[in-house]
Amino acid sequence: MKNLVETWKREEQQPFSGWDFSYLDGRMIEDQPPWDYALRAAESMKHAKSVVDIGTGGGERFLSLKEFWPPKVTVTEDYPPNFKLAVERLAPLGVRVVNCDYNTPFADEEFDLVLNRHTAINARDVFRILTPGGVFLTEQVHGLWAYDLLAAFDAKPQWPEATPENYIHQLQELGMTIVNMQDWTGCFSFTDVGAIVYYLKAIPWLVPGFSVETHLEQLFTLQSRLERGKELVFKNKLYLIEAHIDSITKTIK
């Protein structure tokens, strides 16, 4: 038991930066949705003159699409450690890196394309900054994602309203046309409890106040589950929305 706690505490101290979970390769296994967000984003950028990536994280994913960037490229990020990384990685390449949340400071109709992967949606702001004929592409974590993992630590989803139905309604009310919507449920699993410790420390808003010391009972419950031959499997829920603005009828509401 003592050795387990020491192991978990070492996992708790492992560094994490950007949105890079490569440390958990082979220890966290995720089902993949039927779409390829990166491929769709690349295709969309081929037809755009300007793009903003809302909530770019450390910029690592957006950087992987560099060959498809249009002439004008902007990203946003408001989490301080990730903002610093995004500046270091992207600013030298001519990317404008803006420190803001989903209430952006951009001009009306500034971008042909708005990308958003796993960051809260402000539908009215997206509509405002898109040009007539513009495209909004987003992959979102469902508000009930990993509800079973959170429940194991006596936590609840903090944004249960983040559902595809809710956002589609908001976008349609603004006059946008939904051209693609896919809602998917799969699973993700961990091979050991230490991997869960690392994951929850890397994403501190999942289980507020999480630490090995404060959640020892829950960690041992999961360890017991593993030792009884049961897998540490939890629900993975994602959805994809692509919405367009008619080039003729756009009006700011």
C-alpha atoms as a PDB file:
ATOM      1  CA  MET A   1       0.000   0.000   0.000  1.00  0.00           C
ATOM      2  CA  LYS A   2       2.791   2.419   0.900  1.00  0.00           C
ATOM      3  CA  ASN A   3       4.562   1.695  -2.385  1.00  0.00           C
ATOM      4  CA  LEU A   4       1.382   2.397  -4.320  1.00  0.00           C
ATOM      5  CA  VAL A   5       0.924   5.780  -2.681  1.00  0.00           C
ATOM      6  CA  GLU A   6       4.549   6.689  -3.370  1.00  0.00           C
ATOM      7  CA  THR A   7       4.110   5.682  -7.026  1.00  0.00           C
ATOM      8  CA  TRP A   8       0.956   7.780  -7.340  1.00  0.00           C
ATOM      9  CA  LYS A   9       2.671  10.774  -5.780  1.00  0.00           C
ATOM     10  CA  ARG A  10       5.485  10.483  -8.319  1.00  0.00           C
ATOM     11  CA  GLU A  11       2.882  10.498 -11.085  1.00  0.00           C
ATOM     12  CA  GLU A  12       1.353  13.580  -9.505  1.00  0.00           C
ATOM     13  CA  GLN A  13       4.670  15.425  -9.858  1.00  0.00           C
ATOM     14  CA  GLN A  14       5.323  14.565 -13.496  1.00  0.00           C
ATOM     15  CA  PRO A  15       5.490  17.675 -15.725  1.00  0.00           C
ATOM     16  CA  PHE A  16       2.749  18.416 -18.216  1.00  0.00           C
ATOM     17  CA  SER A  17       2.673  21.139 -20.845  1.00  0.00           C
ATOM     18  CA  GLY A  18       0.545  22.189 -23.784  1.00  0.00           C
ATOM     19  CA  TRP A  19      -1.977  19.485 -24.525  1.00  0.00           C
ATOM     20  CA  ASP A  20       0.546  16.677 -24.895  1.00  0.00           C
ATOM     21  CA  PHE A  21      -0.427  13.382 -23.269  1.00  0.00           C
ATOM     22  CA  SER A  22       2.366  11.360 -24.859  1.00  0.00           C
ATOM     23  CA  TYR A  23       3.561  10.490 -21.341  1.00  0.00           C
ATOM     24  CA  LEU A  24       0.518   8.206 -21.148  1.00  0.00           C
ATOM     25  CA  ASP A  25       1.173   6.410 -24.434  1.00  0.00           C
ATOM     26  CA  GLY A  26       0.168   2.790 -23.939  1.00  0.00           C
ATOM     27  CA  ARG A  27      -1.408   3.574 -20.566  1.00  0.00           C
ATOM     28  CA  MET A  28      -4.394   5.610 -21.746  1.00  0.00           C
ATOM     29  CA  ILE A  29      -6.260   4.063 -24.672  1.00  0.00           C
ATOM     30  CA  GLU A  30      -8.969   6.023 -26.477  1.00  0.00           C
ATOM     31  CA  ASP A  31     -11.533   4.949 -29.019  1.00  0.00           C
ATOM     32  CA  GLN A  32     -11.514   7.320 -31.980  1.00  0.00           C
ATOM     33  CA  PRO A  33     -14.593   9.020 -33.440  1.00  0.00           C
ATOM     34  CA  PRO A  34     -15.600   8.261 -37.036  1.00  0.00           C
ATOM     35  CA  TRP A  35     -14.491  11.685 -38.300  1.00  0.00           C
ATOM     36  CA  ASP A  36     -11.032  13.223 -38.702  1.00  0.00           C
ATOM     37  CA  TYR A  37     -11.163  16.764 -37.327  1.00  0.00           C
ATOM     38  CA  ALA A  38      -7.635  17.640 -38.461  1.00  0.00           C
ATOM     39  CA  LEU A  39      -8.379  16.526 -42.022  1.00  0.00           C
ATOM     40  CA  ARG A  40     -11.597  18.558 -42.133  1.00  0.00           C
ATOM     41  CA  ALA A  41      -9.804  21.607 -40.705  1.00  0.00           C
ATOM     42  CA  ALA A  42      -7.071  21.259 -43.336  1.00  0.00           C
ATOM     43  CA  GLU A  43      -9.645  21.051 -46.132  1.00  0.00           C
ATOM     44  CA  SER A  44     -11.453  24.121 -44.801  1.00  0.00           C
ATOM     45  CA  MET A  45      -8.237  26.166 -44.624  1.00  0.00           C
ATOM     46  CA  LYS A  46      -7.547  25.462 -48.297  1.00  0.00           C
ATOM     47  CA  HIS A  47     -10.587  27.606 -49.141  1.00  0.00           C
ATOM     48  CA  ALA A  48      -9.983  30.407 -46.605  1.00  0.00           C
ATOM     49  CA  LYS A  49      -7.939  33.601 -46.668  1.00  0.00           C
ATOM     50  CA  SER A  50      -8.059  34.028 -42.882  1.00  0.00           C
ATOM     51  CA  VAL A  51      -8.493  31.672 -39.944  1.00  0.00           C
ATOM     52  CA  VAL A  52      -8.667  31.892 -36.167  1.00  0.00           C
ATOM     53  CA  ASP A  53      -8.152  28.841 -33.967  1.00  0.00           C
ATOM     54  CA  ILE A  54     -10.073  29.450 -30.743  1.00  0.00           C
ATOM     55  CA  GLY A  55      -8.445  27.886 -27.683  1.00  0.00           C
ATOM     56  CA  THR A  56      -5.361  26.559 -29.469  1.00  0.00           C
ATOM     57  CA  GLY A  57      -3.820  25.110 -26.302  1.00  0.00           C
ATOM     58  CA  GLY A  58      -0.051  25.049 -26.652  1.00  0.00           C
ATOM     59  CA  GLY A  59      -0.420  25.351 -30.410  1.00  0.00           C
ATOM     60  CA  GLU A  60       0.911  21.869 -31.086  1.00  0.00           C
ATOM     61  CA  ARG A  61      -2.119  20.603 -33.007  1.00  0.00           C
ATOM     62  CA  PHE A  62      -2.524  23.778 -35.042  1.00  0.00           C
ATOM     63  CA  LEU A  63       1.192  23.757 -35.850  1.00  0.00           C
ATOM     64  CA  SER A  64       0.809  20.264 -37.321  1.00  0.00           C
ATOM     65  CA  LEU A  65      -1.493  21.846 -39.950  1.00  0.00           C
ATOM     66  CA  LYS A  66       1.011  24.545 -40.939  1.00  0.00           C
ATOM     67  CA  GLU A  67       1.153  23.526 -44.614  1.00  0.00           C
ATOM     68  CA  PHE A  68      -2.549  24.371 -44.926  1.00  0.00           C
ATOM     69  CA  TRP A  69      -2.526  27.770 -43.195  1.00  0.00           C
ATOM     70  CA  PRO A  70      -4.075  30.616 -45.208  1.00  0.00           C
ATOM     71  CA  PRO A  71      -2.331  34.031 -45.495  1.00  0.00           C
ATOM     72  CA  LYS A  72      -3.845  35.442 -42.285  1.00  0.00           C
ATOM     73  CA  VAL A  73      -3.519  33.202 -39.228  1.00  0.00           C
ATOM     74  CA  THR A  74      -4.613  33.982 -35.650  1.00  0.00           C
ATOM     75  CA  VAL A  75      -4.999  31.833 -32.540  1.00  0.00           C
ATOM     76  CA  THR A  76      -6.383  32.465 -29.064  1.00  0.00           C
ATOM     77  CA  GLU A  77      -5.598  30.937 -25.675  1.00  0.00           C
ATOM     78  CA  ASP A  78      -6.372  32.066 -22.122  1.00  0.00           C
ATOM     79  CA  TYR A  79      -4.730  29.364 -19.960  1.00  0.00           C
ATOM     80  CA  PRO A  80      -1.404  31.005 -18.972  1.00  0.00           C
ATOM     81  CA  PRO A  81       0.925  27.990 -19.332  1.00  0.00           C
ATOM     82  CA  ASN A  82      -0.537  27.172 -22.752  1.00  0.00           C
ATOM     83  CA  PHE A  83      -0.555  30.799 -23.888  1.00  0.00           C
ATOM     84  CA  LYS A  84       3.186  31.002 -23.225  1.00  0.00           C
ATOM     85  CA  LEU A  85       3.796  27.847 -25.258  1.00  0.00           C
ATOM     86  CA  ALA A  86       1.602  29.056 -28.110  1.00  0.00           C
ATOM     87  CA  VAL A  87       3.555  32.320 -28.295  1.00  0.00           C
ATOM     88  CA  GLU A  88       6.867  30.462 -28.317  1.00  0.00           C
ATOM     89  CA  ARG A  89       5.773  28.016 -31.002  1.00  0.00           C
ATOM     90  CA  LEU A  90       3.586  30.109 -33.283  1.00  0.00           C
ATOM     91  CA  ALA A  91       4.551  33.786 -33.029  1.00  0.00           C
ATOM     92  CA  PRO A  92       7.943  33.259 -34.753  1.00  0.00           C
ATOM     93  CA  LEU A  93       5.991  31.841 -37.714  1.00  0.00           C
ATOM     94  CA  GLY A  94       3.952  35.022 -38.117  1.00  0.00           C
ATOM     95  CA  VAL A  95       0.890  33.847 -36.231  1.00  0.00           C
ATOM     96  CA  ARG A  96      -0.971  36.432 -34.165  1.00  0.00           C
ATOM     97  CA  VAL A  97      -1.421  34.909 -30.681  1.00  0.00           C
ATOM     98  CA  VAL A  98      -4.146  36.587 -28.623  1.00  0.00           C
ATOM     99  CA  ASN A  99      -4.730  36.092 -24.902  1.00  0.00           C
ATOM    100  CA  CYS A 100      -8.498  35.921 -24.509  1.00  0.00           C
ATOM    101  CA  ASP A 101     -11.332  33.553 -23.685  1.00  0.00           C
ATOM    102  CA  TYR A 102     -14.274  32.811 -25.966  1.00  0.00           C
ATOM    103  CA  ASN A 103     -15.302  36.509 -25.859  1.00  0.00           C
ATOM    104  CA  THR A 104     -12.868  37.598 -28.559  1.00  0.00           C
ATOM    105  CA  PRO A 105     -11.631  41.157 -29.278  1.00  0.00           C
ATOM    106  CA  PHE A 106     -11.713  40.735 -33.056  1.00  0.00           C
ATOM    107  CA  ALA A 107     -13.434  42.967 -35.573  1.00  0.00           C
ATOM    108  CA  ASP A 108     -16.795  42.083 -37.081  1.00  0.00           C
ATOM    109  CA  GLU A 109     -16.478  39.794 -40.114  1.00  0.00           C
ATOM    110  CA  GLU A 110     -12.713  39.413 -39.684  1.00  0.00           C
ATOM    111  CA  PHE A 111     -12.309  35.710 -40.513  1.00  0.00           C
ATOM    112  CA  ASP A 112     -13.380  33.328 -43.259  1.00  0.00           C
ATOM    113  CA  LEU A 113     -12.905  30.340 -40.972  1.00  0.00           C
ATOM    114  CA  VAL A 114     -13.283  29.834 -37.225  1.00  0.00           C
ATOM    115  CA  LEU A 115     -11.833  26.622 -35.775  1.00  0.00           C
ATOM    116  CA  ASN A 116     -12.552  25.423 -32.275  1.00  0.00           C
ATOM    117  CA  ARG A 117     -11.419  22.114 -30.843  1.00  0.00           C
ATOM    118  CA  HIS A 118     -12.521  21.365 -27.281  1.00  0.00           C
ATOM    119  CA  THR A 119     -13.020  24.986 -26.189  1.00  0.00           C
ATOM    120  CA  ALA A 120     -16.324  26.489 -25.034  1.00  0.00           C
ATOM    121  CA  ILE A 121     -18.434  27.941 -27.849  1.00  0.00           C
ATOM    122  CA  ASN A 122     -19.693  31.506 -27.876  1.00  0.00           C
ATOM    123  CA  ALA A 123     -22.097  31.172 -30.802  1.00  0.00           C
ATOM    124  CA  ARG A 124     -22.914  34.870 -31.072  1.00  0.00           C
ATOM    125  CA  ASP A 125     -19.238  35.836 -31.122  1.00  0.00           C
ATOM    126  CA  VAL A 126     -18.459  33.197 -33.758  1.00  0.00           C
ATOM    127  CA  PHE A 127     -21.260  34.605 -35.897  1.00  0.00           C
ATOM    128  CA  ARG A 128     -20.013  38.151 -35.365  1.00  0.00           C
ATOM    129  CA  ILE A 129     -16.403  37.572 -36.442  1.00  0.00           C
ATOM    130  CA  LEU A 130     -17.194  35.374 -39.456  1.00  0.00           C
ATOM    131  CA  THR A 131     -17.399  36.862 -42.936  1.00  0.00           C
ATOM    132  CA  PRO A 132     -20.500  36.295 -45.088  1.00  0.00           C
ATOM    133  CA  GLY A 133     -19.994  32.826 -46.525  1.00  0.00           C
ATOM    134  CA  GLY A 134     -17.741  31.938 -43.579  1.00  0.00           C
ATOM    135  CA  VAL A 135     -17.332  28.519 -41.986  1.00  0.00           C
ATOM    136  CA  PHE A 136     -17.335  27.417 -38.361  1.00  0.00           C
ATOM    137  CA  LEU A 137     -15.833  23.997 -37.594  1.00  0.00           C
ATOM    138  CA  THR A 138     -15.737  22.605 -34.083  1.00  0.00           C
ATOM    139  CA  GLU A 139     -15.103  19.327 -32.306  1.00  0.00           C
ATOM    140  CA  GLN A 140     -16.489  19.422 -28.797  1.00  0.00           C
ATOM    141  CA  VAL A 141     -16.288  17.329 -25.662  1.00  0.00           C
ATOM    142  CA  HIS A 142     -19.850  16.502 -24.667  1.00  0.00           C
ATOM    143  CA  GLY A 143     -20.969  18.014 -21.376  1.00  0.00           C
ATOM    144  CA  LEU A 144     -21.553  14.497 -19.978  1.00  0.00           C
ATOM    145  CA  TRP A 145     -18.151  13.223 -21.119  1.00  0.00           C
ATOM    146  CA  ALA A 146     -16.469  10.935 -18.560  1.00  0.00           C
ATOM    147  CA  TYR A 147     -19.325  11.367 -16.076  1.00  0.00           C
ATOM    148  CA  ASP A 148     -18.458   7.910 -14.728  1.00  0.00           C
ATOM    149  CA  LEU A 149     -14.796   8.819 -14.154  1.00  0.00           C
ATOM    150  CA  LEU A 150     -15.829  12.007 -12.358  1.00  0.00           C
ATOM    151  CA  ALA A 151     -18.357  10.092 -10.257  1.00  0.00           C
ATOM    152  CA  ALA A 152     -15.554   7.806  -9.083  1.00  0.00           C
ATOM    153  CA  PHE A 153     -14.057  10.909  -7.425  1.00  0.00           C
ATOM    154  CA  ASP A 154     -17.384  12.301  -6.158  1.00  0.00           C
ATOM    155  CA  ALA A 155     -17.366  14.984  -8.842  1.00  0.00           C
ATOM    156  CA  LYS A 156     -19.980  15.955 -11.420  1.00  0.00           C
ATOM    157  CA  PRO A 157     -19.750  17.339 -14.963  1.00  0.00           C
ATOM    158  CA  GLN A 158     -19.376  21.104 -14.686  1.00  0.00           C
ATOM    159  CA  TRP A 159     -20.860  21.950 -18.086  1.00  0.00           C
ATOM    160  CA  PRO A 160     -23.724  19.481 -18.663  1.00  0.00           C
ATOM    161  CA  GLU A 161     -25.362  21.997 -20.998  1.00  0.00           C
ATOM    162  CA  ALA A 162     -22.519  21.629 -23.526  1.00  0.00           C
ATOM    163  CA  THR A 163     -24.537  19.375 -25.830  1.00  0.00           C
ATOM    164  CA  PRO A 164     -24.785  19.364 -29.630  1.00  0.00           C
ATOM    165  CA  GLU A 165     -28.504  20.126 -29.438  1.00  0.00           C
ATOM    166  CA  ASN A 166     -27.881  23.252 -27.378  1.00  0.00           C
ATOM    167  CA  TYR A 167     -25.189  24.659 -29.656  1.00  0.00           C
ATOM    168  CA  ILE A 168     -27.002  23.772 -32.859  1.00  0.00           C
ATOM    169  CA  HIS A 169     -30.050  25.636 -31.598  1.00  0.00           C
ATOM    170  CA  GLN A 170     -27.907  28.707 -30.828  1.00  0.00           C
ATOM    171  CA  LEU A 171     -26.188  28.667 -34.226  1.00  0.00           C
ATOM    172  CA  GLN A 172     -29.432  28.193 -36.131  1.00  0.00           C
ATOM    173  CA  GLU A 173     -31.116  31.003 -34.234  1.00  0.00           C
ATOM    174  CA  LEU A 174     -28.354  33.281 -35.508  1.00  0.00           C
ATOM    175  CA  GLY A 175     -29.092  32.239 -39.058  1.00  0.00           C
ATOM    176  CA  MET A 176     -26.281  29.746 -39.594  1.00  0.00           C
ATOM    177  CA  THR A 177     -26.801  26.557 -41.587  1.00  0.00           C
ATOM    178  CA  ILE A 178     -25.658  23.263 -40.068  1.00  0.00           C
ATOM    179  CA  VAL A 179     -24.013  21.272 -42.861  1.00  0.00           C
ATOM    180  CA  ASN A 180     -22.510  18.507 -40.722  1.00  0.00           C
ATOM    181  CA  MET A 181     -23.267  17.235 -37.227  1.00  0.00           C
ATOM    182  CA  GLN A 182     -22.034  13.970 -35.764  1.00  0.00           C
ATOM    183  CA  ASP A 183     -22.553  12.823 -32.182  1.00  0.00           C
ATOM    184  CA  TRP A 184     -20.447   9.906 -30.952  1.00  0.00           C
ATOM    185  CA  THR A 185     -20.025   7.827 -27.816  1.00  0.00           C
ATOM    186  CA  GLY A 186     -17.047   5.560 -27.277  1.00  0.00           C
ATOM    187  CA  CYS A 187     -14.714   4.651 -24.441  1.00  0.00           C
ATOM    188  CA  PHE A 188     -11.333   5.473 -23.035  1.00  0.00           C
ATOM    189  CA  SER A 189      -9.421   3.404 -20.530  1.00  0.00           C
ATOM    190  CA  PHE A 190      -6.372   3.411 -18.292  1.00  0.00           C
ATOM    191  CA  THR A 191      -4.044   0.496 -17.650  1.00  0.00           C
ATOM    192  CA  ASP A 192      -3.154   1.621 -14.128  1.00  0.00           C
ATOM    193  CA  VAL A 193      -4.364   4.021 -11.448  1.00  0.00           C
ATOM    194  CA  GLY A 194      -1.188   6.106 -11.669  1.00  0.00           C
ATOM    195  CA  ALA A 195      -2.167   7.081 -15.203  1.00  0.00           C
ATOM    196  CA  ILE A 196      -5.453   8.445 -13.856  1.00  0.00           C
ATOM    197  CA  VAL A 197      -3.540  10.446 -11.246  1.00  0.00           C
ATOM    198  CA  TYR A 198      -1.413  12.044 -13.966  1.00  0.00           C
ATOM    199  CA  TYR A 199      -4.462  12.747 -16.113  1.00  0.00           C
ATOM    200  CA  LEU A 200      -6.463  14.434 -13.352  1.00  0.00           C
ATOM    201  CA  LYS A 201      -3.501  16.580 -12.299  1.00  0.00           C
ATOM    202  CA  ALA A 202      -2.932  17.620 -15.908  1.00  0.00           C
ATOM    203  CA  ILE A 203      -6.569  18.755 -16.241  1.00  0.00           C
ATOM    204  CA  PRO A 204      -7.243  20.294 -12.822  1.00  0.00           C
ATOM    205  CA  TRP A 205     -10.791  21.452 -13.574  1.00  0.00           C
ATOM    206  CA  LEU A 206     -12.107  17.893 -13.980  1.00  0.00           C
ATOM    207  CA  VAL A 207     -11.972  17.059 -10.271  1.00  0.00           C
ATOM    208  CA  PRO A 208     -11.475  20.370  -8.442  1.00  0.00           C
ATOM    209  CA  GLY A 209      -8.962  20.084  -5.643  1.00  0.00           C
ATOM    210  CA  PHE A 210      -7.752  16.664  -6.749  1.00  0.00           C
ATOM    211  CA  SER A 211      -4.556  15.294  -5.221  1.00  0.00           C
ATOM    212  CA  VAL A 212      -3.355  11.891  -4.104  1.00  0.00           C
ATOM    213  CA  GLU A 213      -3.662  12.936  -0.457  1.00  0.00           C
ATOM    214  CA  THR A 214      -7.215  14.259  -0.750  1.00  0.00           C
ATOM    215  CA  HIS A 215      -8.545  11.376  -2.858  1.00  0.00           C
ATOM    216  CA  LEU A 216      -6.704   8.341  -1.513  1.00  0.00           C
ATOM    217  CA  GLU A 217      -9.923   6.453  -0.753  1.00  0.00           C
ATOM    218  CA  GLN A 218     -11.185   6.818  -4.313  1.00  0.00           C
ATOM    219  CA  LEU A 219      -7.811   5.824  -5.752  1.00  0.00           C
ATOM    220  CA  PHE A 220      -7.717   2.661  -3.675  1.00  0.00           C
ATOM    221  CA  THR A 221     -11.259   1.836  -4.778  1.00  0.00           C
ATOM    222  CA  LEU A 222     -10.112   2.006  -8.394  1.00  0.00           C
ATOM    223  CA  GLN A 223      -7.015  -0.048  -7.564  1.00  0.00           C
ATOM    224  CA  SER A 224      -9.245  -2.710  -6.009  1.00  0.00           C
ATOM    225  CA  ARG A 225     -11.383  -2.691  -9.134  1.00  0.00           C
ATOM    226  CA  LEU A 226      -8.288  -3.325 -11.239  1.00  0.00           C
ATOM    227  CA  GLU A 227      -7.060  -6.114  -8.954  1.00  0.00           C
ATOM    228  CA  ARG A 228     -10.443  -7.847  -9.258  1.00  0.00           C
ATOM    229  CA  GLY A 229      -9.853  -8.094 -12.991  1.00  0.00           C
ATOM    230  CA  LYS A 230     -12.122  -5.240 -13.990  1.00  0.00           C
ATOM    231  CA  GLU A 231     -10.918  -2.642 -16.471  1.00  0.00           C
ATOM    232  CA  LEU A 232     -10.707   1.088 -15.806  1.00  0.00           C
ATOM    233  CA  VAL A 233     -12.998   2.038 -18.693  1.00  0.00           C
ATOM    234  CA  PHE A 234     -14.994   5.270 -18.945  1.00  0.00           C
ATOM    235  CA  LYS A 235     -17.338   6.980 -21.388  1.00  0.00           C
ATOM    236  CA  ASN A 236     -15.879   9.119 -24.152  1.00  0.00           C
ATOM    237  CA  LYS A 237     -18.449  11.464 -25.736  1.00  0.00           C
ATOM    238  CA  LEU A 238     -17.597  13.877 -28.562  1.00  0.00           C
ATOM    239  CA  TYR A 239     -19.431  15.683 -31.318  1.00  0.00           C
ATOM    240  CA  LEU A 240     -18.570  17.549 -34.496  1.00  0.00           C
ATOM    241  CA  ILE A 241     -20.435  20.556 -35.893  1.00  0.00           C
ATOM    242  CA  GLU A 242     -19.793  22.391 -39.138  1.00  0.00           C
ATOM    243  CA  ALA A 243     -21.898  25.501 -39.777  1.00  0.00           C
ATOM    244  CA  HIS A 244     -21.893  28.003 -42.645  1.00  0.00           C
ATOM    245  CA  ILE A 245     -23.125  31.573 -42.983  1.00  0.00           C
ATOM    246  CA  ASP A 246     -25.031  32.439 -46.158  1.00  0.00           C
ATOM    247  CA  SER A 247     -23.019  34.987 -48.125  1.00  0.00           C
ATOM    248  CA  ILE A 248     -26.092  37.077 -48.940  1.00  0.00           C
ATOM    249  CA  THR A 249     -28.374  36.964 -45.936  1.00  0.00           C
ATOM    250  CA  LYS A 250     -25.940  37.460 -43.049  1.00  0.00           C
ATOM    251  CA  THR A 251     -27.155  40.116 -40.627  1.00  0.00           C
ATOM    252  CA  ILE A 252     -25.779  40.852 -37.170  1.00  0.00           C
ATOM    253  CA  LYS A 253     -28.506  40.061 -34.670  1.00  0.00           C
END
